[in-house]
C-alpha atoms as a PDB file:
ATOM      1  CA  MET A   1      -0.090  -0.017  -0.173  1.00  0.00           C
ATOM      2  CA  ALA A   2       1.139   3.669  -0.975  1.00  0.00           C
ATOM      3  CA  ARG A   3       2.114   5.625   1.637  1.00  0.00           C
ATOM      4  CA  LEU A   4      -0.495   8.424   2.935  1.00  0.00           C
ATOM      5  CA  PHE A   5       0.272  12.005   2.163  1.00  0.00           C
ATOM      6  CA  PRO A   6       0.512  14.772   5.082  1.00  0.00           C
ATOM      7  CA  VAL A   7      -2.648  17.095   4.697  1.00  0.00           C
ATOM      8  CA  LEU A   8      -1.566  20.325   2.718  1.00  0.00           C
ATOM      9  CA  PRO A   9      -3.603  23.395   2.724  1.00  0.00           C
ATOM     10  CA  PRO A  10      -4.341  24.418  -0.983  1.00  0.00           C
ATOM     11  CA  LEU A  11      -1.485  26.055  -2.847  1.00  0.00           C
ATOM     12  CA  ARG A  12      -1.941  29.773  -2.901  1.00  0.00           C
ATOM     13  CA  THR A  13      -1.913  31.375  -6.677  1.00  0.00           C
ATOM     14  CA  GLY A  14      -1.216  35.107  -7.675  1.00  0.00           C
ATOM     15  CA  PRO A  15       1.532  37.912  -7.451  1.00  0.00           C
ATOM     16  CA  LEU A  16       4.071  38.076  -4.380  1.00  0.00           C
ATOM     17  CA  PRO A  17       4.752  41.242  -3.720  1.00  0.00           C
ATOM     18  CA  ARG A  18       7.097  40.414  -1.222  1.00  0.00           C
ATOM     19  CA  ILE A  19       9.352  38.969  -3.414  1.00  0.00           C
ATOM     20  CA  GLN A  20       7.936  40.224  -7.119  1.00  0.00           C
ATOM     21  CA  TRP A  21       8.328  43.227  -8.686  1.00  0.00           C
ATOM     22  CA  VAL A  22       4.338  43.666  -9.014  1.00  0.00           C
ATOM     23  CA  VAL A  23       2.442  45.902 -11.621  1.00  0.00           C
ATOM     24  CA  GLU A  24      -1.316  45.807 -11.478  1.00  0.00           C
ATOM     25  CA  LEU A  25      -3.250  47.123 -14.807  1.00  0.00           C
ATOM     26  CA  VAL A  26      -6.197  49.256 -13.131  1.00  0.00           C
ATOM     27  CA  GLY A  27      -9.230  50.717 -14.674  1.00  0.00           C
ATOM     28  CA  PRO A  28     -12.810  51.354 -14.220  1.00  0.00           C
ATOM     29  CA  ARG A  29     -14.074  48.931 -17.218  1.00  0.00           C
ATOM     30  CA  SER A  30     -13.611  45.186 -17.635  1.00  0.00           C
ATOM     31  CA  VAL A  31     -10.990  44.552 -20.460  1.00  0.00           C
ATOM     32  CA  ALA A  32     -12.096  41.942 -22.981  1.00  0.00           C
ATOM     33  CA  ALA A  33     -10.096  38.173 -22.902  1.00  0.00           C
ATOM     34  CA  ALA A  34      -8.819  39.245 -26.562  1.00  0.00           C
ATOM     35  CA  ASP A  35      -7.120  42.147 -25.339  1.00  0.00           C
ATOM     36  CA  ALA A  36      -5.867  40.968 -22.490  1.00  0.00           C
ATOM     37  CA  LEU A  37      -4.486  37.676 -24.175  1.00  0.00           C
ATOM     38  CA  ARG A  38      -2.096  40.337 -26.041  1.00  0.00           C
ATOM     39  CA  LEU A  39      -0.049  39.936 -22.838  1.00  0.00           C
ATOM     40  CA  LEU A  40       0.387  36.295 -24.022  1.00  0.00           C
ATOM     41  CA  ASP A  41       1.618  37.079 -27.342  1.00  0.00           C
ATOM     42  CA  PRO A  42       5.316  36.194 -27.879  1.00  0.00           C
ATOM     43  CA  ASP A  43       6.261  40.310 -28.805  1.00  0.00           C
ATOM     44  CA  TRP A  44       4.501  41.622 -25.876  1.00  0.00           C
ATOM     45  CA  LYS A  45       5.802  38.929 -23.716  1.00  0.00           C
ATOM     46  CA  GLY A  46       9.182  39.738 -24.797  1.00  0.00           C
ATOM     47  CA  ILE A  47       8.585  43.469 -24.615  1.00  0.00           C
ATOM     48  CA  LEU A  48       7.735  43.074 -21.094  1.00  0.00           C
ATOM     49  CA  GLY A  49      10.136  40.550 -19.976  1.00  0.00           C
ATOM     50  CA  GLN A  50       8.523  37.778 -19.518  1.00  0.00           C
ATOM     51  CA  PRO A  51       6.237  38.505 -16.716  1.00  0.00           C
ATOM     52  CA  ILE A  52       4.154  35.936 -14.848  1.00  0.00           C
ATOM     53  CA  VAL A  53       0.387  37.345 -16.187  1.00  0.00           C
ATOM     54  CA  TRP A  54      -2.269  37.589 -13.541  1.00  0.00           C
ATOM     55  CA  ALA A  55      -5.800  38.021 -14.188  1.00  0.00           C
ATOM     56  CA  MET A  56      -9.271  37.973 -12.050  1.00  0.00           C
ATOM     57  CA  ALA A  57     -12.563  37.736 -13.765  1.00  0.00           C
ATOM     58  CA  ALA A  58     -15.869  38.854 -11.941  1.00  0.00           C
ATOM     59  CA  ARG A  59     -16.738  35.468 -10.811  1.00  0.00           C
ATOM     60  CA  ASP A  60     -13.101  34.758  -9.546  1.00  0.00           C
ATOM     61  CA  ASP A  61     -11.979  35.341  -5.495  1.00  0.00           C
ATOM     62  CA  ARG A  62      -8.317  34.905  -6.143  1.00  0.00           C
ATOM     63  CA  TRP A  63      -5.563  35.433  -9.129  1.00  0.00           C
ATOM     64  CA  GLN A  64      -5.071  33.116 -11.806  1.00  0.00           C
ATOM     65  CA  GLU A  65      -2.359  33.064 -14.397  1.00  0.00           C
ATOM     66  CA  LEU A  66      -3.972  34.420 -17.449  1.00  0.00           C
ATOM     67  CA  LEU A  67      -2.626  31.334 -19.407  1.00  0.00           C
ATOM     68  CA  GLY A  68      -5.764  28.950 -19.672  1.00  0.00           C
ATOM     69  CA  HIS A  69      -8.481  31.122 -17.824  1.00  0.00           C
ATOM     70  CA  SER A  70     -11.459  30.755 -19.790  1.00  0.00           C
ATOM     71  CA  ALA A  71     -13.071  33.833 -19.181  1.00  0.00           C
ATOM     72  CA  THR A  72     -14.580  36.468 -21.635  1.00  0.00           C
ATOM     73  CA  SER A  73     -13.233  39.424 -19.878  1.00  0.00           C
ATOM     74  CA  PHE A  74     -11.440  40.569 -16.899  1.00  0.00           C
ATOM     75  CA  ASP A  75     -11.866  42.776 -13.779  1.00  0.00           C
ATOM     76  CA  SER A  76      -8.484  42.892 -12.757  1.00  0.00           C
ATOM     77  CA  LEU A  77      -4.835  42.023 -14.585  1.00  0.00           C
ATOM     78  CA  ALA A  78      -1.550  42.000 -13.060  1.00  0.00           C
ATOM     79  CA  LEU A  79       2.272  41.278 -14.048  1.00  0.00           C
ATOM     80  CA  SER A  80       4.663  40.042 -11.784  1.00  0.00           C
ATOM     81  CA  TRP A  81       8.488  39.757 -11.989  1.00  0.00           C
ATOM     82  CA  ASP A  82      11.132  37.829  -9.761  1.00  0.00           C
ATOM     83  CA  LEU A  83      13.401  39.925  -7.781  1.00  0.00           C
ATOM     84  CA  VAL A  84      15.852  37.082  -7.866  1.00  0.00           C
ATOM     85  CA  ASP A  85      16.042  34.275 -10.503  1.00  0.00           C
ATOM     86  CA  PRO A  86      18.995  32.104 -11.631  1.00  0.00           C
ATOM     87  CA  ARG A  87      19.982  34.498 -13.861  1.00  0.00           C
ATOM     88  CA  GLY A  88      20.391  37.253 -10.941  1.00  0.00           C
ATOM     89  CA  SER A  89      18.405  39.777  -9.408  1.00  0.00           C
ATOM     90  CA  LEU A  90      16.626  42.873 -10.521  1.00  0.00           C
ATOM     91  CA  THR A  91      17.676  46.425 -10.653  1.00  0.00           C
ATOM     92  CA  ARG A  92      15.947  49.263 -10.021  1.00  0.00           C
ATOM     93  CA  THR A  93      16.255  50.882 -13.969  1.00  0.00           C
ATOM     94  CA  ALA A  94      15.033  47.345 -15.192  1.00  0.00           C
ATOM     95  CA  ALA A  95      12.089  48.043 -12.887  1.00  0.00           C
ATOM     96  CA  GLU A  96      11.580  51.353 -14.242  1.00  0.00           C
ATOM     97  CA  THR A  97      11.771  49.687 -17.432  1.00  0.00           C
ATOM     98  CA  LEU A  98       9.194  47.126 -17.563  1.00  0.00           C
ATOM     99  CA  LEU A  99       6.554  49.631 -15.292  1.00  0.00           C
ATOM    100  CA  ALA A 100       6.731  52.242 -18.639  1.00  0.00           C
ATOM    101  CA  ARG A 101       6.232  49.166 -21.080  1.00  0.00           C
ATOM    102  CA  ALA A 102       3.181  47.996 -18.976  1.00  0.00           C
ATOM    103  CA  ALA A 103       2.162  51.235 -19.425  1.00  0.00           C
ATOM    104  CA  GLU A 104       2.218  50.910 -22.488  1.00  0.00           C
ATOM    105  CA  PHE A 105       0.259  48.391 -22.842  1.00  0.00           C
ATOM    106  CA  GLY A 106      -2.270  49.578 -20.078  1.00  0.00           C
ATOM    107  CA  GLU A 107      -3.059  52.490 -22.271  1.00  0.00           C
ATOM    108  CA  ALA A 108      -3.789  50.118 -25.301  1.00  0.00           C
ATOM    109  CA  VAL A 109      -6.336  48.609 -23.311  1.00  0.00           C
ATOM    110  CA  GLY A 110      -8.047  51.759 -21.031  1.00  0.00           C
ATOM    111  CA  ARG A 111      -5.699  51.000 -18.237  1.00  0.00           C
ATOM    112  CA  ARG A 112      -3.350  52.485 -16.059  1.00  0.00           C
ATOM    113  CA  ALA A 113      -0.214  50.599 -14.972  1.00  0.00           C
ATOM    114  CA  LEU A 114       0.076  50.727 -10.939  1.00  0.00           C
ATOM    115  CA  PRO A 115       3.306  49.505  -9.086  1.00  0.00           C
ATOM    116  CA  LEU A 116       2.470  47.883  -5.612  1.00  0.00           C
ATOM    117  CA  TRP A 117       5.628  49.507  -4.144  1.00  0.00           C
ATOM    118  CA  PRO A 118       7.887  52.093  -5.624  1.00  0.00           C
ATOM    119  CA  ALA A 119      10.618  51.411  -8.348  1.00  0.00           C
ATOM    120  CA  ASP A 120      13.440  52.773  -5.715  1.00  0.00           C
ATOM    121  CA  GLU A 121      13.128  49.716  -3.442  1.00  0.00           C
ATOM    122  CA  THR A 122      13.379  47.073  -5.862  1.00  0.00           C
ATOM    123  CA  GLU A 123      17.175  46.850  -4.971  1.00  0.00           C
ATOM    124  CA  SER A 124      16.704  46.485  -1.405  1.00  0.00           C
ATOM    125  CA  ARG A 125      14.139  44.405  -1.791  1.00  0.00           C
ATOM    126  CA  ALA A 126      15.908  42.132  -3.703  1.00  0.00           C
ATOM    127  CA  LYS A 127      18.794  42.007  -1.601  1.00  0.00           C
ATOM    128  CA  ALA A 128      16.625  41.561   1.169  1.00  0.00           C
ATOM    129  CA  ALA A 129      15.506  38.419  -0.885  1.00  0.00           C
ATOM    130  CA  MET A 130      18.757  36.904  -1.410  1.00  0.00           C
ATOM    131  CA  ARG A 131      19.525  37.171   2.039  1.00  0.00           C
ATOM    132  CA  LEU A 132      16.628  34.953   3.114  1.00  0.00           C
ATOM    133  CA  THR A 133      17.755  32.240  -0.014  1.00  0.00           C
ATOM    134  CA  GLU A 134      21.231  31.977   1.726  1.00  0.00           C
ATOM    135  CA  ARG A 135      20.243  32.236   5.221  1.00  0.00           C
ATOM    136  CA  LEU A 136      17.591  29.783   5.000  1.00  0.00           C
ATOM    137  CA  ASP A 137      18.551  27.281   2.094  1.00  0.00           C
ATOM    138  CA  GLY A 138      19.184  23.897   3.450  1.00  0.00           C
ATOM    139  CA  GLY A 139      18.558  20.011   3.291  1.00  0.00           C
ATOM    140  CA  PHE A 140      18.586  16.756   4.653  1.00  0.00           C
ATOM    141  CA  ALA A 141      19.271  13.227   3.437  1.00  0.00           C
ATOM    142  CA  VAL A 142      18.955   9.875   5.043  1.00  0.00           C
ATOM    143  CA  SER A 143      20.301   6.623   3.404  1.00  0.00           C
ATOM    144  CA  ALA A 144      20.219   2.929   3.602  1.00  0.00           C
ATOM    145  CA  ALA A 145      23.533   1.330   2.985  1.00  0.00           C
ATOM    146  CA  PHE A 146      23.268  -2.559   2.075  1.00  0.00           C
ATOM    147  CA  PRO A 147      26.149  -4.989   3.124  1.00  0.00           C
ATOM    148  CA  LEU A 148      25.605  -6.512  -0.908  1.00  0.00           C
ATOM    149  CA  PRO A 149      24.455  -4.480  -3.781  1.00  0.00           C
ATOM    150  CA  ARG A 150      20.404  -5.355  -4.529  1.00  0.00           C
ATOM    151  CA  SER A 151      18.868  -5.487  -8.221  1.00  0.00           C
ATOM    152  CA  GLU A 152      17.405  -2.451  -9.351  1.00  0.00           C
ATOM    153  CA  PRO A 153      13.961  -3.872 -10.472  1.00  0.00           C
ATOM    154  CA  GLU A 154      13.766  -4.966  -7.025  1.00  0.00           C
ATOM    155  CA  LEU A 155      14.078  -1.708  -5.334  1.00  0.00           C
ATOM    156  CA  LEU A 156      12.333   0.299  -7.679  1.00  0.00           C
ATOM    157  CA  ALA A 157       9.220  -1.891  -7.382  1.00  0.00           C
ATOM    158  CA  TRP A 158       9.511  -1.460  -3.805  1.00  0.00           C
ATOM    159  CA  LEU A 159       9.851   1.937  -4.110  1.00  0.00           C
ATOM    160  CA  ALA A 160       6.620   2.014  -6.293  1.00  0.00           C
ATOM    161  CA  SER A 161       4.854   0.361  -3.607  1.00  0.00           C
ATOM    162  CA  GLU A 162       5.971   3.137  -0.866  1.00  0.00           C
ATOM    163  CA  GLY A 163       4.247   5.932  -3.507  1.00  0.00           C
ATOM    164  CA  PHE A 164       7.522   6.696  -5.414  1.00  0.00           C
ATOM    165  CA  ASP A 165       7.552   7.469  -9.114  1.00  0.00           C
ATOM    166  CA  SER A 166       9.237   9.293 -11.598  1.00  0.00           C
ATOM    167  CA  PRO A 167       7.282  12.494 -13.163  1.00  0.00           C
ATOM    168  CA  ASP A 168      10.089  13.135 -15.531  1.00  0.00           C
ATOM    169  CA  GLY A 169      10.876   9.629 -16.790  1.00  0.00           C
ATOM    170  CA  GLU A 170      14.510   9.952 -16.633  1.00  0.00           C
ATOM    171  CA  GLY A 171      15.271   7.807 -13.433  1.00  0.00           C
ATOM    172  CA  GLY A 172      14.413  11.158 -10.463  1.00  0.00           C
ATOM    173  CA  LEU A 173      12.145   8.926  -8.400  1.00  0.00           C
ATOM    174  CA  GLU A 174      10.239  11.194  -6.023  1.00  0.00           C
ATOM    175  CA  TRP A 175       7.294  11.107  -3.510  1.00  0.00           C
ATOM    176  CA  ARG A 176       4.681  13.996  -4.404  1.00  0.00           C
ATOM    177  CA  ARG A 177       0.972  15.029  -4.356  1.00  0.00           C
ATOM    178  CA  PRO A 178      -0.089  16.043  -7.533  1.00  0.00           C
ATOM    179  CA  GLY A 179      -0.167  19.846  -8.081  1.00  0.00           C
ATOM    180  CA  HIS A 180       2.616  20.167  -4.719  1.00  0.00           C
ATOM    181  CA  PRO A 181       6.462  19.911  -4.834  1.00  0.00           C
ATOM    182  CA  ALA A 182       8.018  16.850  -3.642  1.00  0.00           C
ATOM    183  CA  PHE A 183       8.255  15.511   0.038  1.00  0.00           C
ATOM    184  CA  LEU A 184      10.992  13.423  -0.759  1.00  0.00           C
ATOM    185  CA  THR A 185      13.595  12.634  -3.706  1.00  0.00           C
ATOM    186  CA  ALA A 186      14.909   8.782  -3.905  1.00  0.00           C
ATOM    187  CA  THR A 187      18.664   8.193  -5.149  1.00  0.00           C
ATOM    188  CA  PRO A 188      20.803   5.207  -5.357  1.00  0.00           C
ATOM    189  CA  THR A 189      23.665   5.889  -2.755  1.00  0.00           C
ATOM    190  CA  GLY A 190      27.117   6.203  -4.496  1.00  0.00           C
ATOM    191  CA  GLU A 191      26.954   5.882  -8.228  1.00  0.00           C
ATOM    192  CA  PRO A 192      24.856   6.014 -10.450  1.00  0.00           C
ATOM    193  CA  PHE A 193      23.059   8.723  -9.002  1.00  0.00           C
ATOM    194  CA  ALA A 194      20.039   8.084 -10.798  1.00  0.00           C
ATOM    195  CA  PHE A 195      17.877   5.003 -10.873  1.00  0.00           C
ATOM    196  CA  GLY A 196      17.197   4.007 -14.672  1.00  0.00           C
ATOM    197  CA  PHE A 197      20.573   2.457 -15.383  1.00  0.00           C
ATOM    198  CA  GLY A 198      19.823  -1.279 -14.641  1.00  0.00           C
ATOM    199  CA  THR A 199      22.660  -1.551 -12.629  1.00  0.00           C
ATOM    200  CA  PRO A 200      22.595  -3.473  -9.107  1.00  0.00           C
ATOM    201  CA  VAL A 201      22.328  -0.999  -6.286  1.00  0.00           C
ATOM    202  CA  GLU A 202      24.295  -0.342  -2.930  1.00  0.00           C
ATOM    203  CA  GLY A 203      21.958   1.497  -0.926  1.00  0.00           C
ATOM    204  CA  VAL A 204      19.205   4.061  -1.500  1.00  0.00           C
ATOM    205  CA  THR A 205      18.999   7.808  -0.162  1.00  0.00           C
ATOM    206  CA  PHE A 206      16.082   9.890   0.756  1.00  0.00           C
ATOM    207  CA  GLY A 207      16.166  13.569   0.951  1.00  0.00           C
ATOM    208  CA  ALA A 208      14.410  16.789   0.647  1.00  0.00           C
ATOM    209  CA  ARG A 209      15.396  21.044   0.179  1.00  0.00           C
ATOM    210  CA  VAL A 210      13.816  22.205   3.364  1.00  0.00           C
ATOM    211  CA  PRO A 211      12.298  25.364   1.609  1.00  0.00           C
ATOM    212  CA  LEU A 212      10.646  23.136  -0.794  1.00  0.00           C
ATOM    213  CA  CYS A 213       9.088  20.520   0.504  1.00  0.00           C
ATOM    214  CA  PRO A 214       5.363  21.218   1.787  1.00  0.00           C
ATOM    215  CA  ALA A 215       5.724  19.442   4.900  1.00  0.00           C
ATOM    216  CA  PRO A 216       9.881  18.419   6.011  1.00  0.00           C
ATOM    217  CA  VAL A 217       8.793  17.193   9.564  1.00  0.00           C
ATOM    218  CA  GLU A 218       6.781  14.496   8.150  1.00  0.00           C
ATOM    219  CA  ALA A 219       9.347  14.005   5.306  1.00  0.00           C
ATOM    220  CA  LEU A 220      12.102  13.596   7.378  1.00  0.00           C
ATOM    221  CA  GLU A 221      10.039  11.172   9.930  1.00  0.00           C
ATOM    222  CA  ALA A 222       9.041   8.969   6.602  1.00  0.00           C
ATOM    223  CA  ALA A 223      12.897   9.144   5.315  1.00  0.00           C
ATOM    224  CA  PHE A 224      13.726   7.423   8.716  1.00  0.00           C
ATOM    225  CA  ASP A 225      10.634   4.931   8.600  1.00  0.00           C
ATOM    226  CA  LEU A 226      11.614   3.795   4.683  1.00  0.00           C
ATOM    227  CA  THR A 227      15.370   3.621   5.839  1.00  0.00           C
ATOM    228  CA  ARG A 228      14.519   1.387   8.799  1.00  0.00           C
ATOM    229  CA  SER A 229      11.992  -0.645   6.426  1.00  0.00           C
ATOM    230  CA  LEU A 230      14.914  -1.288   4.145  1.00  0.00           C
ATOM    231  CA  VAL A 231      17.773  -2.125   6.873  1.00  0.00           C
ATOM    232  CA  GLU A 232      15.231  -4.302   8.016  1.00  0.00           C
ATOM    233  CA  ARG A 233      14.613  -5.954   4.677  1.00  0.00           C
ATOM    234  CA  TYR A 234      18.130  -6.270   3.219  1.00  0.00           C
ATOM    235  CA  GLY A 235      20.305  -5.749   6.162  1.00  0.00           C
ATOM    236  CA  GLY A 236      22.928  -3.050   6.176  1.00  0.00           C
ATOM    237  CA  GLY A 237      23.030   0.092   8.463  1.00  0.00           C
ATOM    238  CA  ARG A 238      21.563   3.475   8.036  1.00  0.00           C
ATOM    239  CA  PHE A 239      23.429   7.042   7.384  1.00  0.00           C
ATOM    240  CA  ASP A 240      22.922  10.856   7.198  1.00  0.00           C
ATOM    241  CA  GLY A 241      23.864  13.008   4.541  1.00  0.00           C
ATOM    242  CA  GLU A 242      27.797  13.029   6.133  1.00  0.00           C
ATOM    243  CA  GLY A 243      27.674   9.670   5.685  1.00  0.00           C
ATOM    244  CA  GLU A 244      27.697   9.156   9.685  1.00  0.00           C
ATOM    245  CA  PRO A 245      25.685   6.761  11.376  1.00  0.00           C
ATOM    246  CA  LEU A 246      22.014   7.879  11.467  1.00  0.00           C
ATOM    247  CA  ASP A 247      21.074  10.123  14.998  1.00  0.00           C
ATOM    248  CA  GLU A 248      17.491  10.703  14.728  1.00  0.00           C
ATOM    249  CA  ARG A 249      17.326  13.275  17.187  1.00  0.00           C
ATOM    250  CA  ARG A 250      20.119  15.298  16.235  1.00  0.00           C
ATOM    251  CA  MET A 251      18.599  15.382  12.717  1.00  0.00           C
ATOM    252  CA  ARG A 252      15.666  16.410  14.276  1.00  0.00           C
ATOM    253  CA  ALA A 253      16.291  19.265  15.955  1.00  0.00           C
ATOM    254  CA  GLU A 254      18.505  20.470  12.984  1.00  0.00           C
ATOM    255  CA  LEU A 255      15.705  20.476  10.965  1.00  0.00           C
ATOM    256  CA  ALA A 256      13.437  22.242  13.989  1.00  0.00           C
ATOM    257  CA  GLY A 257      15.858  24.997  13.671  1.00  0.00           C
ATOM    258  CA  ILE A 258      15.704  25.468  10.218  1.00  0.00           C
ATOM    259  CA  VAL A 259      11.952  25.117  10.310  1.00  0.00           C
ATOM    260  CA  GLU A 260      11.715  27.851  13.265  1.00  0.00           C
ATOM    261  CA  SER A 261      13.989  30.419  11.297  1.00  0.00           C
ATOM    262  CA  MET A 262      11.857  30.122   7.736  1.00  0.00           C
ATOM    263  CA  SER A 263       8.604  30.479  10.251  1.00  0.00           C
ATOM    264  CA  ARG A 264      10.528  33.568  11.826  1.00  0.00           C
ATOM    265  CA  ALA A 265      11.117  34.985   8.240  1.00  0.00           C
ATOM    266  CA  LYS A 266       7.190  34.458   7.310  1.00  0.00           C
ATOM    267  CA  LEU A 267       8.207  31.725   4.906  1.00  0.00           C
ATOM    268  CA  GLU A 268       6.090  28.711   4.491  1.00  0.00           C
ATOM    269  CA  PRO A 269       7.992  25.341   3.844  1.00  0.00           C
ATOM    270  CA  GLY A 270       6.770  24.503  -0.018  1.00  0.00           C
ATOM    271  CA  GLY A 271       4.624  27.652  -0.299  1.00  0.00           C
ATOM    272  CA  ALA A 272       4.622  29.652  -3.248  1.00  0.00           C
ATOM    273  CA  GLU A 273       7.453  32.068  -2.263  1.00  0.00           C
ATOM    274  CA  CYS A 274       9.803  29.714  -1.256  1.00  0.00           C
ATOM    275  CA  ARG A 275       8.708  27.745  -4.998  1.00  0.00           C
ATOM    276  CA  ARG A 276       9.779  31.100  -6.513  1.00  0.00           C
ATOM    277  CA  LEU A 277      12.991  31.700  -3.965  1.00  0.00           C
ATOM    278  CA  PHE A 278      14.929  28.196  -3.755  1.00  0.00           C
ATOM    279  CA  ARG A 279      14.736  27.405  -7.502  1.00  0.00           C
END
């Protein structure tokens, strides 16, 4: 029987002004879908710096991405750009340029471009977001190492029975609830670093990146339980990410410290802000 998922709150959607430059297109009248969808045209999308485009129709009670929205008109439109992404951070000059381009589009559809905070705060807010990623990023790994290598198909069948599957079909196994980030990943201990090569497996490592894990405490306990089950089944030992004999109490305390730090920073593991910050 597959392992049960922890209960999770609904995923939040919409612009994230703490970690994004957000510009609303405001006006007294609804915007026809045909006009709003021009924001998704490659030309406008490129001119606007590839924003996430948000929309609310009259019947909506929360923001939704415009892509795939079925309404015929929209009462609210907004654009958002990450302050920090793998390419770097947003500057004041870039924010001002994006605002001017958003204003150009807004004028064409009878709307005014209104930022949620001034452009001159962009760089200080970007630095604050970068400090969050540097201070709060962390993870855990728990391994079961076997006395003799085991058959990969046998282990894959066992992992599947526990709810792990490969979302990309390329050997990366994850335990996840649809629509949410992964709770845990499973990889072979040692080489190769992914399943799918058909070679005997010396052990299995379960891990998670805490800011991206929707329920890190439950995920760690699941990793303890999974490695315990494997060692009972095949023999061997259990180890932490440093290759030291597993100390469950120490790992629980370390994780509690990370989760507490995230709570003080008002960040929810696996939440919308973390999914944008910790990519």
